Amino acid sequence: MFGSTVMEVVIGMAFCYGSLALTVTTLQEALSAAFGLRAGMLRACIQRMLRDPQFTGTARAVYAHLLISAHDDLTDTDPPRHPGPSYIEPANFALALIDAIRAGGAALDAAIAAVPDPQLRRTLNTLYVQAGGNVQRFQTALGGWFDSTMARLSGAYKRRQLLVSFLLALLLAILLNIDSILLFQTLWRHPALAAGIGAVPAALDAQLVSDLATLPIGWDSFPPVLDAAFALQVAGWLITASTTLFGAPFWFDILQRAINLRSTGTKPAPVQVGQAMVHHAGPAAP
């Protein structure tokens, strides 16, 4: 009985946390696409790389290249209406940058020497010297520079997305009153609430909503009373929001394992007679 209760509690908690993490991920991707967060962060990083904070010089010329973006307003003098692409191939960035600094068709070394920003000029000249003046190797070096910069950007983007994920999860935990402490206590007393959960959801659908409705989630009365019980409730919200940082695949993997264990059942213990195990090797010899 004890093992069965623990299994149902694990299933209920994992299902709730996985569903919340899946919801947060869906909202996060929708917000990122609607506001161009990934593309905007990429453009800001390239502006810093190319020393073009106003987006009127080299970075603007790179973004106006057809290998990078096909939008016409990047060639206008007014600020563009869109942040540009959310991903750029390193080889395309290198080609676009070389074309941007050689706008007049000048020799590459002369074009590098004519770059107005001293820090960008020094960086490009260093890469050009290391490439031995070879255009192909210089292009490869530019791609490597872009790759290393994007690796740092990826780390910063993930950290920001973790913060956004936590805040979205906390907001949903408050709105839906997903209190981990109350959820655990209720499932421990009534493990049958999680008994109907039999599959790992692949996306948000009606079945997922129906399964969530069986769990102790939601408000019985609002607004809450500001007392010691409310402080415990806030702690439950914070715990719930923190679980989304592990990601939906983590919780659904735990859920799948728990469901498989529940369906398998308890392994029977071996039967012993006296000091030896019972062997089914046929009748003893006379």
Protein backbone atom coordinates (compact mmCIF):
# COMPACT_ATOMS: atom_id res chain seq x y z
CA MET A 1 0.00 0.00 0.00
CA PHE A 2 2.81 2.38 0.94
CA GLY A 3 4.62 1.73 -2.36
CA SER A 4 1.40 2.24 -4.33
CA THR A 5 0.76 5.58 -2.60
CA VAL A 6 4.28 6.81 -3.33
CA MET A 7 3.93 5.81 -6.99
CA GLU A 8 0.63 7.66 -7.41
CA VAL A 9 2.06 10.77 -5.72
CA VAL A 10 5.08 10.72 -8.05
CA ILE A 11 2.82 10.30 -11.08
CA GLY A 12 0.54 13.15 -10.04
CA MET A 13 3.37 15.55 -9.20
CA ALA A 14 5.38 14.72 -12.34
CA PHE A 15 2.30 15.07 -14.55
CA CYS A 16 1.48 18.48 -13.07
CA TYR A 17 5.06 19.77 -13.33
CA GLY A 18 5.54 18.43 -16.85
CA SER A 19 2.27 19.94 -18.05
CA LEU A 20 3.16 23.30 -16.52
CA ALA A 21 6.63 23.22 -18.08
CA LEU A 22 5.10 22.35 -21.45
CA THR A 23 2.66 25.26 -21.15
CA VAL A 24 5.45 27.65 -20.18
CA THR A 25 7.60 26.50 -23.11
CA THR A 26 4.71 27.04 -25.54
CA LEU A 27 4.03 30.54 -24.18
CA GLN A 28 7.73 31.36 -24.21
CA GLU A 29 8.15 30.39 -27.86
CA ALA A 30 5.01 32.33 -28.81
CA LEU A 31 6.28 35.46 -27.04
CA SER A 32 9.73 35.06 -28.58
CA ALA A 33 8.25 34.80 -32.08
CA ALA A 34 5.74 37.63 -31.56
CA PHE A 35 8.30 40.12 -30.25
CA GLY A 36 11.32 38.89 -32.21
CA LEU A 37 13.32 38.36 -29.01
CA ARG A 38 15.84 35.93 -30.47
CA ALA A 39 16.32 37.99 -33.63
CA GLY A 40 16.60 41.22 -31.65
CA MET A 41 19.23 39.74 -29.34
CA LEU A 42 21.21 38.47 -32.36
CA ARG A 43 21.17 41.88 -34.02
CA ALA A 44 22.23 43.64 -30.81
CA CYS A 45 25.15 41.21 -30.50
CA ILE A 46 26.27 41.82 -34.09
CA GLN A 47 26.01 45.57 -33.55
CA ARG A 48 28.42 45.19 -30.62
CA MET A 49 30.71 42.96 -32.66
CA LEU A 50 30.93 45.43 -35.52
CA ARG A 51 30.98 48.53 -33.30
CA ASP A 52 27.78 49.94 -34.78
CA PRO A 53 25.49 50.85 -31.82
CA GLN A 54 23.28 53.14 -33.94
CA PHE A 55 22.85 50.48 -36.66
CA THR A 56 23.87 52.93 -39.38
CA GLY A 57 27.27 51.59 -40.46
CA THR A 58 28.89 48.19 -40.95
CA ALA A 59 26.22 46.17 -39.10
CA ARG A 60 23.47 47.78 -41.19
CA ALA A 61 25.40 47.00 -44.38
CA VAL A 62 25.84 43.36 -43.31
CA TYR A 63 22.11 43.00 -42.54
CA ALA A 64 21.22 44.59 -45.88
CA HIS A 65 23.15 41.86 -47.72
CA LEU A 66 20.93 39.32 -49.45
CA LEU A 67 22.85 36.45 -47.83
CA ILE A 68 21.62 37.72 -44.46
CA SER A 69 18.20 39.27 -45.01
CA ALA A 70 15.85 39.84 -47.93
CA HIS A 71 13.98 42.77 -46.33
CA ASP A 72 14.08 45.97 -48.39
CA ASP A 73 13.77 48.39 -45.48
CA LEU A 74 17.30 47.54 -44.28
CA THR A 75 18.61 49.60 -47.19
CA ASP A 76 16.58 52.66 -46.13
CA THR A 77 17.94 55.39 -43.92
CA ASP A 78 15.10 55.07 -41.38
CA PRO A 79 15.29 52.44 -38.61
CA PRO A 80 14.11 49.02 -39.88
CA ARG A 81 10.65 47.81 -38.95
CA HIS A 82 11.84 44.29 -38.07
CA PRO A 83 14.78 42.86 -36.12
CA GLY A 84 16.02 40.68 -38.99
CA PRO A 85 16.71 36.93 -39.03
CA SER A 86 16.92 34.87 -35.85
CA TYR A 87 19.82 32.76 -37.17
CA ILE A 88 22.76 33.50 -39.48
CA GLU A 89 25.19 31.00 -40.99
CA PRO A 90 28.82 31.83 -40.08
CA ALA A 91 29.94 31.48 -43.71
CA ASN A 92 27.20 33.89 -44.87
CA PHE A 93 28.15 36.38 -42.16
CA ALA A 94 31.79 36.27 -43.28
CA LEU A 95 30.89 36.82 -46.95
CA ALA A 96 28.46 39.64 -46.12
CA LEU A 97 31.03 41.38 -43.89
CA ILE A 98 33.74 41.18 -46.57
CA ASP A 99 31.32 42.63 -49.14
CA ALA A 100 30.30 45.34 -46.67
CA ILE A 101 33.83 46.60 -46.00
CA ARG A 102 34.72 46.32 -49.72
CA ALA A 103 31.73 48.39 -50.77
CA GLY A 104 33.76 50.33 -53.33
CA GLY A 105 35.47 47.24 -54.74
CA ALA A 106 38.81 48.10 -53.12
CA ALA A 107 41.47 45.57 -52.25
CA LEU A 108 40.75 43.73 -49.02
CA ASP A 109 43.77 45.04 -47.10
CA ALA A 110 42.99 48.60 -48.18
CA ALA A 111 39.31 48.11 -47.25
CA ILE A 112 40.29 46.91 -43.77
CA ALA A 113 42.59 49.89 -43.33
CA ALA A 114 39.68 52.19 -44.24
CA VAL A 115 37.30 50.80 -41.56
CA PRO A 116 36.43 53.86 -39.43
CA ASP A 117 36.18 52.21 -35.99
CA PRO A 118 39.70 51.55 -34.60
CA GLN A 119 38.74 48.46 -32.53
CA LEU A 120 36.94 46.79 -35.44
CA ARG A 121 39.80 47.73 -37.77
CA ARG A 122 42.35 46.19 -35.39
CA THR A 123 40.30 42.99 -35.03
CA LEU A 124 39.86 42.57 -38.78
CA ASN A 125 43.51 43.34 -39.43
CA THR A 126 44.61 40.75 -36.84
CA LEU A 127 42.47 38.07 -38.47
CA TYR A 128 43.71 39.08 -41.92
CA VAL A 129 47.37 38.87 -40.87
CA GLN A 130 46.79 35.46 -39.23
CA ALA A 131 45.22 34.30 -42.49
CA GLY A 132 48.39 35.29 -44.31
CA GLY A 133 46.51 37.63 -46.61
CA ASN A 134 44.53 34.71 -48.05
CA VAL A 135 40.90 35.65 -48.63
CA GLN A 136 39.59 32.11 -48.12
CA ARG A 137 41.40 31.70 -44.81
CA PHE A 138 40.31 35.19 -43.77
CA GLN A 139 36.70 34.22 -44.47
CA THR A 140 37.14 31.08 -42.33
CA ALA A 141 38.63 33.19 -39.52
CA LEU A 142 35.66 35.56 -39.66
CA GLY A 143 33.32 32.57 -39.41
CA GLY A 144 35.22 31.31 -36.36
CA TRP A 145 35.02 34.76 -34.74
CA PHE A 146 31.28 34.79 -35.38
CA ASP A 147 30.89 31.26 -33.95
CA SER A 148 32.71 32.08 -30.71
CA THR A 149 30.65 35.24 -30.27
CA MET A 150 27.41 33.34 -30.89
CA ALA A 151 28.40 30.72 -28.30
CA ARG A 152 28.59 33.46 -25.67
CA LEU A 153 25.31 34.91 -26.94
CA SER A 154 23.65 31.50 -26.67
CA GLY A 155 24.65 31.25 -23.01
CA ALA A 156 23.29 34.72 -22.28
CA TYR A 157 20.06 33.95 -24.16
CA LYS A 158 19.53 30.72 -22.21
CA ARG A 159 20.05 32.49 -18.89
CA ARG A 160 17.52 35.14 -19.85
CA GLN A 161 15.07 32.49 -21.04
CA LEU A 162 15.41 30.67 -17.71
CA LEU A 163 14.44 33.86 -15.92
CA VAL A 164 11.48 34.41 -18.27
CA SER A 165 10.47 30.77 -17.81
CA PHE A 166 10.53 31.11 -14.02
CA LEU A 167 8.47 34.32 -14.09
CA LEU A 168 5.89 32.83 -16.48
CA ALA A 169 5.65 29.69 -14.35
CA LEU A 170 5.23 31.75 -11.19
CA LEU A 171 2.47 33.78 -12.84
CA LEU A 172 0.66 30.60 -13.92
CA ALA A 173 1.17 29.04 -10.48
CA ILE A 174 -0.51 32.05 -8.88
CA LEU A 175 -3.33 32.36 -11.41
CA LEU A 176 -4.13 28.63 -11.29
CA ASN A 177 -3.12 28.20 -7.63
CA ILE A 178 -0.71 25.35 -8.34
CA ASP A 179 0.58 24.93 -4.81
CA SER A 180 3.16 22.12 -4.64
CA ILE A 181 2.79 21.69 -0.88
CA LEU A 182 -1.01 21.37 -1.07
CA LEU A 183 -0.71 19.15 -4.15
CA PHE A 184 1.64 16.77 -2.34
CA GLN A 185 -0.53 16.66 0.81
CA THR A 186 -3.70 16.01 -1.17
CA LEU A 187 -2.18 13.28 -3.35
CA TRP A 188 -0.67 11.61 -0.28
CA ARG A 189 -4.09 11.44 1.39
CA HIS A 190 -6.00 10.62 -1.82
CA PRO A 191 -3.62 8.87 -4.27
CA ALA A 192 -6.56 7.79 -6.43
CA LEU A 193 -6.66 11.34 -7.87
CA ALA A 194 -3.68 10.45 -10.06
CA ALA A 195 -4.88 6.95 -10.94
CA GLY A 196 -6.48 8.06 -14.22
CA ILE A 197 -3.25 9.40 -15.69
CA GLY A 198 -2.09 6.74 -18.13
CA ALA A 199 -0.06 8.39 -20.89
CA VAL A 200 2.53 11.09 -21.40
CA PRO A 201 1.01 14.01 -23.33
CA ALA A 202 2.85 15.15 -26.45
CA ALA A 203 1.16 18.55 -26.63
CA LEU A 204 -1.54 20.69 -25.08
CA ASP A 205 -4.91 19.07 -25.83
CA ALA A 206 -8.33 18.40 -24.33
CA GLN A 207 -7.18 15.16 -22.68
CA LEU A 208 -4.37 17.00 -20.90
CA VAL A 209 -6.82 19.58 -19.56
CA SER A 210 -9.16 16.78 -18.44
CA ASP A 211 -6.35 14.99 -16.59
CA LEU A 212 -5.24 18.21 -14.92
CA ALA A 213 -8.81 18.79 -13.73
CA THR A 214 -8.54 15.68 -11.57
CA LEU A 215 -5.64 17.18 -9.60
CA PRO A 216 -6.09 19.62 -6.68
CA ILE A 217 -5.42 22.77 -8.74
CA GLY A 218 -7.39 26.01 -8.69
CA TRP A 219 -8.91 28.48 -6.28
CA ASP A 220 -11.63 27.58 -3.80
CA SER A 221 -11.92 31.16 -2.56
CA PHE A 222 -10.36 34.43 -3.70
CA PRO A 223 -8.73 36.62 -2.51
CA PRO A 224 -6.77 34.53 -0.01
CA VAL A 225 -6.46 35.44 3.66
CA LEU A 226 -3.04 36.89 4.50
CA ASP A 227 -2.02 34.57 7.32
CA ALA A 228 0.49 31.80 8.04
CA ALA A 229 -1.33 29.46 5.66
CA PHE A 230 -0.92 32.03 2.88
CA ALA A 231 2.85 32.19 3.52
CA LEU A 232 2.95 28.41 3.09
CA GLN A 233 0.93 28.80 -0.11
CA VAL A 234 3.46 31.32 -1.49
CA ALA A 235 6.22 28.82 -0.74
CA GLY A 236 4.25 26.23 -2.70
CA TRP A 237 3.99 28.59 -5.69
CA LEU A 238 7.73 29.23 -5.62
CA ILE A 239 8.45 25.50 -5.53
CA THR A 240 6.11 24.95 -8.47
CA ALA A 241 7.71 27.72 -10.52
CA SER A 242 11.19 26.37 -9.78
CA THR A 243 10.31 22.93 -11.16
CA THR A 244 9.85 24.32 -14.68
CA LEU A 245 13.58 25.10 -14.83
CA PHE A 246 14.18 21.36 -15.30
CA GLY A 247 12.12 21.39 -18.50
CA ALA A 248 9.12 19.37 -19.65
CA PRO A 249 11.19 16.40 -21.03
CA PHE A 250 12.68 15.79 -17.56
CA TRP A 251 9.30 15.52 -15.84
CA PHE A 252 7.65 13.51 -18.62
CA ASP A 253 10.54 11.06 -18.54
CA ILE A 254 9.98 10.57 -14.80
CA LEU A 255 6.23 10.27 -15.46
CA GLN A 256 6.75 7.62 -18.14
CA ARG A 257 9.04 5.59 -15.88
CA ALA A 258 6.59 5.80 -12.99
CA ILE A 259 3.67 4.72 -15.19
CA ASN A 260 5.68 1.78 -16.51
CA LEU A 261 6.53 0.73 -12.95
CA ARG A 262 2.89 1.02 -11.93
CA SER A 263 1.74 -1.15 -14.83
CA THR A 264 4.48 -3.72 -14.19
CA GLY A 265 3.58 -4.22 -10.55
CA THR A 266 5.66 -5.66 -7.72
CA LYS A 267 8.16 -8.40 -8.51
CA PRO A 268 7.31 -11.55 -6.50
CA ALA A 269 9.86 -12.68 -3.94
CA PRO A 270 11.65 -16.01 -4.50
CA VAL A 271 10.22 -19.02 -2.64
CA GLN A 272 12.60 -20.90 -0.34
CA VAL A 273 12.17 -24.30 1.37
CA GLY A 274 14.49 -24.87 4.30
CA GLN A 275 18.04 -23.79 3.41
CA ALA A 276 17.80 -24.37 -0.36
CA MET A 277 15.78 -22.97 -3.23
CA VAL A 278 13.17 -25.19 -4.83
CA HIS A 279 14.56 -26.53 -8.13
CA HIS A 280 12.27 -27.78 -10.87
CA ALA A 281 14.70 -30.21 -12.39
CA GLY A 282 12.41 -33.21 -12.43
CA PRO A 283 12.00 -36.13 -9.98
CA ALA A 284 14.98 -37.28 -7.89
CA ALA A 285 16.81 -40.44 -9.00
CA PRO A 286 15.90 -43.62 -7.05
